Amino acid sequence: MKFLLAGLLVIWILGVVRGLTRRPPSGFAQQGPWRPATRVEFLYDLTFTRDGRQVVEQRILTTMLDEIEQAERFIVINIFLFNGIGGRQFLGDDLESPVARFTEALIAARRRRP
């Protein structure tokens, strides 16, 4: 059993070393010129209780919806877990699903500018 585990460990280490030292195929990794960020802003959402009432400040979703509204040609989106979980399900009846609002905004933008 020890020899089997040692053999598997050696094979795994060899695979890791090969993956770290192997160059990607030609044309796979492209590098463009350096473009410094000119407008950087930290966006955050807050949910907290003040004087016994829940306060929600959604700056991330609001900014995303504004960007969709301003887009003229295309929209690039990178979202992890784009699903219906959240909103009312976890935070109560005062919140709607951010994914539903985001999806509706994308569909409306597509209808405005096909």
N, C-alpha and C. Protein backbone atom coordinates (compact mmCIF):
# COMPACT_ATOMS: atom_id res chain seq x y z
N MET A 1 0.82 -1.20 0.00
CA MET A 1 0.00 0.00 0.00
C MET A 1 0.86 1.26 0.00
N LYS A 2 1.96 1.22 0.78
CA LYS A 2 2.85 2.38 0.83
C LYS A 2 3.47 2.65 -0.54
N PHE A 3 3.81 1.57 -1.25
CA PHE A 3 4.42 1.75 -2.57
C PHE A 3 3.43 2.35 -3.56
N LEU A 4 2.19 1.96 -3.44
CA LEU A 4 1.16 2.50 -4.32
C LEU A 4 0.97 4.00 -4.07
N LEU A 5 0.87 4.39 -2.81
CA LEU A 5 0.73 5.81 -2.48
C LEU A 5 1.96 6.61 -2.89
N ALA A 6 3.15 6.05 -2.67
CA ALA A 6 4.38 6.72 -3.08
C ALA A 6 4.42 6.88 -4.59
N GLY A 7 4.00 5.86 -5.31
CA GLY A 7 3.97 5.92 -6.78
C GLY A 7 2.99 6.97 -7.27
N LEU A 8 1.81 7.02 -6.65
CA LEU A 8 0.83 8.04 -7.03
C LEU A 8 1.34 9.45 -6.74
N LEU A 9 2.04 9.60 -5.61
CA LEU A 9 2.61 10.90 -5.25
C LEU A 9 3.66 11.33 -6.27
N VAL A 10 4.51 10.40 -6.69
CA VAL A 10 5.54 10.70 -7.69
C VAL A 10 4.89 11.09 -9.01
N ILE A 11 3.89 10.37 -9.42
CA ILE A 11 3.19 10.69 -10.68
C ILE A 11 2.54 12.06 -10.58
N TRP A 12 1.93 12.35 -9.45
CA TRP A 12 1.29 13.66 -9.27
C TRP A 12 2.33 14.78 -9.32
N ILE A 13 3.46 14.61 -8.63
CA ILE A 13 4.52 15.63 -8.62
C ILE A 13 5.06 15.83 -10.03
N LEU A 14 5.28 14.76 -10.77
CA LEU A 14 5.76 14.89 -12.15
C LEU A 14 4.75 15.66 -13.01
N GLY A 15 3.47 15.40 -12.81
CA GLY A 15 2.45 16.13 -13.56
C GLY A 15 2.44 17.61 -13.22
N VAL A 16 2.60 17.94 -11.96
CA VAL A 16 2.66 19.34 -11.55
C VAL A 16 3.88 20.03 -12.15
N VAL A 17 5.03 19.38 -12.09
CA VAL A 17 6.26 19.96 -12.64
C VAL A 17 6.12 20.16 -14.15
N ARG A 18 5.56 19.19 -14.83
CA ARG A 18 5.37 19.32 -16.29
C ARG A 18 4.42 20.47 -16.60
N GLY A 19 3.35 20.61 -15.84
CA GLY A 19 2.40 21.69 -16.07
C GLY A 19 2.98 23.06 -15.82
N LEU A 20 3.85 23.16 -14.84
CA LEU A 20 4.46 24.46 -14.51
C LEU A 20 5.57 24.85 -15.47
N THR A 21 6.24 23.88 -16.09
CA THR A 21 7.38 24.18 -16.96
C THR A 21 7.03 24.17 -18.45
N ARG A 22 5.91 23.65 -18.81
CA ARG A 22 5.52 23.56 -20.22
C ARG A 22 5.02 24.90 -20.73
N ARG A 23 5.43 25.29 -21.91
CA ARG A 23 4.97 26.53 -22.52
C ARG A 23 3.62 26.28 -23.22
N PRO A 24 2.72 27.26 -23.18
CA PRO A 24 1.43 27.09 -23.87
C PRO A 24 1.63 27.04 -25.38
N PRO A 25 0.68 26.47 -26.11
CA PRO A 25 0.78 26.41 -27.57
C PRO A 25 0.89 27.80 -28.19
N SER A 26 1.46 27.87 -29.35
CA SER A 26 1.62 29.14 -30.06
C SER A 26 0.26 29.81 -30.28
N GLY A 27 0.19 31.10 -29.97
CA GLY A 27 -1.05 31.85 -30.16
C GLY A 27 -2.02 31.75 -29.00
N PHE A 28 -1.71 30.91 -28.02
CA PHE A 28 -2.62 30.74 -26.88
C PHE A 28 -2.55 31.90 -25.90
N ALA A 29 -1.34 32.30 -25.56
CA ALA A 29 -1.16 33.39 -24.60
C ALA A 29 -0.73 34.64 -25.35
N GLN A 30 -1.60 35.62 -25.39
CA GLN A 30 -1.29 36.88 -26.07
C GLN A 30 -1.09 37.97 -25.03
N GLN A 31 -0.14 38.83 -25.28
CA GLN A 31 0.12 39.93 -24.36
C GLN A 31 0.02 41.23 -25.13
N GLY A 32 -0.81 42.13 -24.63
CA GLY A 32 -0.98 43.43 -25.27
C GLY A 32 -0.17 44.48 -24.56
N PRO A 33 -0.24 45.70 -25.06
CA PRO A 33 0.50 46.78 -24.41
C PRO A 33 -0.08 47.13 -23.04
N TRP A 34 0.73 47.69 -22.18
CA TRP A 34 0.30 48.09 -20.85
C TRP A 34 -0.67 49.25 -20.96
N ARG A 35 -1.80 49.13 -20.32
CA ARG A 35 -2.80 50.20 -20.30
C ARG A 35 -3.12 50.52 -18.85
N PRO A 36 -2.64 51.66 -18.36
CA PRO A 36 -2.91 51.99 -16.96
C PRO A 36 -4.38 52.31 -16.74
N ALA A 37 -4.86 51.96 -15.58
CA ALA A 37 -6.25 52.28 -15.21
C ALA A 37 -6.34 53.77 -14.93
N THR A 38 -7.33 54.41 -15.55
CA THR A 38 -7.46 55.86 -15.36
C THR A 38 -8.58 56.20 -14.38
N ARG A 39 -9.56 55.33 -14.26
CA ARG A 39 -10.68 55.61 -13.37
C ARG A 39 -10.97 54.35 -12.54
N VAL A 40 -10.48 54.34 -11.34
CA VAL A 40 -10.67 53.19 -10.46
C VAL A 40 -11.54 53.62 -9.29
N GLU A 41 -12.55 52.82 -9.02
CA GLU A 41 -13.46 53.14 -7.93
C GLU A 41 -13.80 51.86 -7.19
N PHE A 42 -13.74 51.89 -5.88
CA PHE A 42 -14.09 50.73 -5.06
C PHE A 42 -15.60 50.74 -4.84
N LEU A 43 -16.27 49.69 -5.30
CA LEU A 43 -17.71 49.57 -5.13
C LEU A 43 -18.01 48.54 -4.06
N TYR A 44 -19.04 48.79 -3.28
CA TYR A 44 -19.40 47.87 -2.21
C TYR A 44 -20.89 47.92 -1.96
N ASP A 45 -21.38 46.85 -1.39
CA ASP A 45 -22.76 46.77 -0.92
C ASP A 45 -22.73 46.67 0.60
N LEU A 46 -23.68 47.32 1.23
CA LEU A 46 -23.79 47.26 2.68
C LEU A 46 -25.20 46.82 3.07
N THR A 47 -25.27 45.96 4.05
CA THR A 47 -26.54 45.60 4.67
C THR A 47 -26.29 45.59 6.17
N PHE A 48 -27.00 46.43 6.88
CA PHE A 48 -26.80 46.52 8.32
C PHE A 48 -28.09 46.97 8.98
N THR A 49 -28.09 46.90 10.30
CA THR A 49 -29.26 47.30 11.07
C THR A 49 -28.95 48.61 11.79
N ARG A 50 -29.85 49.59 11.63
CA ARG A 50 -29.72 50.88 12.30
C ARG A 50 -31.06 51.20 12.96
N ASP A 51 -31.03 51.43 14.24
CA ASP A 51 -32.23 51.75 15.01
C ASP A 51 -33.31 50.69 14.83
N GLY A 52 -32.89 49.43 14.76
CA GLY A 52 -33.84 48.34 14.65
C GLY A 52 -34.37 48.09 13.25
N ARG A 53 -33.94 48.88 12.27
CA ARG A 53 -34.40 48.70 10.88
C ARG A 53 -33.23 48.28 10.00
N GLN A 54 -33.52 47.42 9.03
CA GLN A 54 -32.48 46.97 8.12
C GLN A 54 -32.22 48.04 7.06
N VAL A 55 -30.95 48.36 6.85
CA VAL A 55 -30.55 49.34 5.84
C VAL A 55 -29.74 48.61 4.78
N VAL A 56 -30.08 48.83 3.51
CA VAL A 56 -29.40 48.18 2.40
C VAL A 56 -28.91 49.26 1.44
N GLU A 57 -27.61 49.25 1.17
CA GLU A 57 -27.02 50.15 0.19
C GLU A 57 -26.39 49.29 -0.90
N GLN A 58 -27.03 49.25 -2.07
CA GLN A 58 -26.53 48.43 -3.17
C GLN A 58 -25.84 49.32 -4.20
N ARG A 59 -24.55 49.48 -4.05
CA ARG A 59 -23.79 50.30 -4.99
C ARG A 59 -23.27 49.50 -6.18
N ILE A 60 -22.97 48.23 -5.97
CA ILE A 60 -22.44 47.42 -7.07
C ILE A 60 -23.50 47.23 -8.15
N LEU A 61 -24.67 46.77 -7.78
CA LEU A 61 -25.73 46.54 -8.76
C LEU A 61 -26.15 47.84 -9.43
N THR A 62 -26.26 48.91 -8.66
CA THR A 62 -26.65 50.20 -9.23
C THR A 62 -25.65 50.64 -10.29
N THR A 63 -24.38 50.49 -10.01
CA THR A 63 -23.34 50.87 -10.97
C THR A 63 -23.39 49.98 -12.20
N MET A 64 -23.60 48.68 -12.00
CA MET A 64 -23.69 47.77 -13.15
C MET A 64 -24.88 48.13 -14.04
N LEU A 65 -26.00 48.46 -13.44
CA LEU A 65 -27.18 48.83 -14.22
C LEU A 65 -26.94 50.14 -14.97
N ASP A 66 -26.25 51.09 -14.35
CA ASP A 66 -25.90 52.34 -15.03
C ASP A 66 -24.99 52.08 -16.22
N GLU A 67 -24.02 51.19 -16.05
CA GLU A 67 -23.09 50.87 -17.14
C GLU A 67 -23.83 50.21 -18.30
N ILE A 68 -24.78 49.34 -18.01
CA ILE A 68 -25.57 48.71 -19.06
C ILE A 68 -26.36 49.78 -19.81
N GLU A 69 -26.93 50.72 -19.08
CA GLU A 69 -27.72 51.79 -19.69
C GLU A 69 -26.86 52.65 -20.62
N GLN A 70 -25.59 52.87 -20.27
CA GLN A 70 -24.71 53.73 -21.05
C GLN A 70 -24.02 53.00 -22.20
N ALA A 71 -24.03 51.68 -22.20
CA ALA A 71 -23.32 50.92 -23.23
C ALA A 71 -23.93 51.19 -24.60
N GLU A 72 -23.06 51.35 -25.59
CA GLU A 72 -23.52 51.63 -26.95
C GLU A 72 -23.33 50.46 -27.89
N ARG A 73 -22.21 49.74 -27.77
CA ARG A 73 -21.93 48.70 -28.74
C ARG A 73 -21.94 47.29 -28.16
N PHE A 74 -21.28 47.09 -27.02
CA PHE A 74 -21.24 45.75 -26.44
C PHE A 74 -21.04 45.84 -24.94
N ILE A 75 -21.32 44.73 -24.28
CA ILE A 75 -21.19 44.64 -22.83
C ILE A 75 -20.40 43.37 -22.53
N VAL A 76 -19.34 43.51 -21.75
CA VAL A 76 -18.55 42.36 -21.31
C VAL A 76 -18.86 42.14 -19.84
N ILE A 77 -19.29 40.93 -19.52
CA ILE A 77 -19.71 40.62 -18.15
C ILE A 77 -18.94 39.40 -17.66
N ASN A 78 -18.42 39.50 -16.46
CA ASN A 78 -17.77 38.37 -15.81
C ASN A 78 -18.39 38.25 -14.43
N ILE A 79 -19.34 37.35 -14.30
CA ILE A 79 -20.07 37.20 -13.05
C ILE A 79 -19.97 35.75 -12.59
N PHE A 80 -19.62 35.58 -11.33
CA PHE A 80 -19.57 34.25 -10.74
C PHE A 80 -20.93 33.94 -10.13
N LEU A 81 -21.45 32.78 -10.40
CA LEU A 81 -22.74 32.32 -9.89
C LEU A 81 -23.89 33.23 -10.31
N PHE A 82 -24.13 33.29 -11.59
CA PHE A 82 -25.25 34.07 -12.13
C PHE A 82 -26.49 33.19 -12.01
N ASN A 83 -27.17 33.29 -10.88
CA ASN A 83 -28.36 32.47 -10.64
C ASN A 83 -29.35 33.25 -9.80
N GLY A 84 -30.45 32.66 -9.50
CA GLY A 84 -31.52 33.34 -8.78
C GLY A 84 -31.40 33.31 -7.27
N ILE A 85 -30.30 32.79 -6.75
CA ILE A 85 -30.16 32.71 -5.29
C ILE A 85 -29.89 34.10 -4.75
N GLY A 86 -30.54 34.45 -3.67
CA GLY A 86 -30.31 35.75 -3.04
C GLY A 86 -31.59 36.54 -2.95
N GLY A 87 -31.46 37.81 -2.62
CA GLY A 87 -32.62 38.67 -2.52
C GLY A 87 -33.57 38.20 -1.45
N ARG A 88 -34.83 38.06 -1.79
CA ARG A 88 -35.87 37.71 -0.81
C ARG A 88 -35.60 36.39 -0.09
N GLN A 89 -34.98 35.47 -0.81
CA GLN A 89 -34.76 34.14 -0.23
C GLN A 89 -33.93 34.22 1.06
N PHE A 90 -32.95 35.12 1.10
CA PHE A 90 -32.07 35.19 2.26
C PHE A 90 -32.27 36.45 3.09
N LEU A 91 -32.64 37.56 2.47
CA LEU A 91 -32.65 38.83 3.17
C LEU A 91 -34.03 39.40 3.41
N GLY A 92 -35.07 38.67 3.07
CA GLY A 92 -36.42 39.13 3.37
C GLY A 92 -37.14 39.72 2.17
N ASP A 93 -38.36 40.19 2.43
CA ASP A 93 -39.23 40.68 1.35
C ASP A 93 -38.83 42.04 0.81
N ASP A 94 -37.95 42.75 1.49
CA ASP A 94 -37.57 44.09 1.04
C ASP A 94 -36.62 44.08 -0.15
N LEU A 95 -36.00 42.94 -0.42
CA LEU A 95 -35.02 42.88 -1.51
C LEU A 95 -35.51 41.97 -2.63
N GLU A 96 -35.27 42.40 -3.83
CA GLU A 96 -35.56 41.53 -4.97
C GLU A 96 -34.25 40.91 -5.45
N SER A 97 -34.34 39.93 -6.28
CA SER A 97 -33.16 39.24 -6.76
C SER A 97 -32.32 40.17 -7.64
N PRO A 98 -31.05 40.37 -7.31
CA PRO A 98 -30.21 41.21 -8.16
C PRO A 98 -30.03 40.62 -9.55
N VAL A 99 -30.05 39.29 -9.65
CA VAL A 99 -29.89 38.65 -10.95
C VAL A 99 -31.09 38.97 -11.85
N ALA A 100 -32.29 38.99 -11.28
CA ALA A 100 -33.48 39.31 -12.07
C ALA A 100 -33.41 40.74 -12.59
N ARG A 101 -33.02 41.68 -11.75
CA ARG A 101 -32.89 43.08 -12.19
C ARG A 101 -31.82 43.21 -13.27
N PHE A 102 -30.70 42.52 -13.07
CA PHE A 102 -29.60 42.58 -14.03
C PHE A 102 -30.02 41.98 -15.37
N THR A 103 -30.70 40.84 -15.32
CA THR A 103 -31.17 40.19 -16.55
C THR A 103 -32.17 41.08 -17.29
N GLU A 104 -33.10 41.67 -16.56
CA GLU A 104 -34.07 42.58 -17.19
C GLU A 104 -33.38 43.76 -17.84
N ALA A 105 -32.35 44.31 -17.19
CA ALA A 105 -31.61 45.44 -17.76
C ALA A 105 -30.88 45.03 -19.04
N LEU A 106 -30.30 43.84 -19.05
CA LEU A 106 -29.62 43.36 -20.26
C LEU A 106 -30.61 43.18 -21.41
N ILE A 107 -31.75 42.59 -21.13
CA ILE A 107 -32.76 42.37 -22.17
C ILE A 107 -33.28 43.70 -22.69
N ALA A 108 -33.53 44.66 -21.80
CA ALA A 108 -34.02 45.98 -22.21
C ALA A 108 -32.97 46.71 -23.06
N ALA A 109 -31.69 46.59 -22.69
CA ALA A 109 -30.63 47.22 -23.48
C ALA A 109 -30.54 46.59 -24.86
N ARG A 110 -30.70 45.30 -24.93
CA ARG A 110 -30.64 44.61 -26.22
C ARG A 110 -31.82 45.03 -27.12
N ARG A 111 -32.99 45.25 -26.53
CA ARG A 111 -34.15 45.68 -27.31
C ARG A 111 -33.97 47.11 -27.80
N ARG A 112 -33.36 47.97 -26.98
CA ARG A 112 -33.12 49.36 -27.38
C ARG A 112 -32.10 49.45 -28.50
N ARG A 113 -31.07 48.62 -28.42
CA ARG A 113 -30.00 48.67 -29.41
C ARG A 113 -29.71 47.25 -29.91
N PRO A 114 -30.48 46.78 -30.87
CA PRO A 114 -30.26 45.40 -31.36
C PRO A 114 -28.96 45.33 -32.07
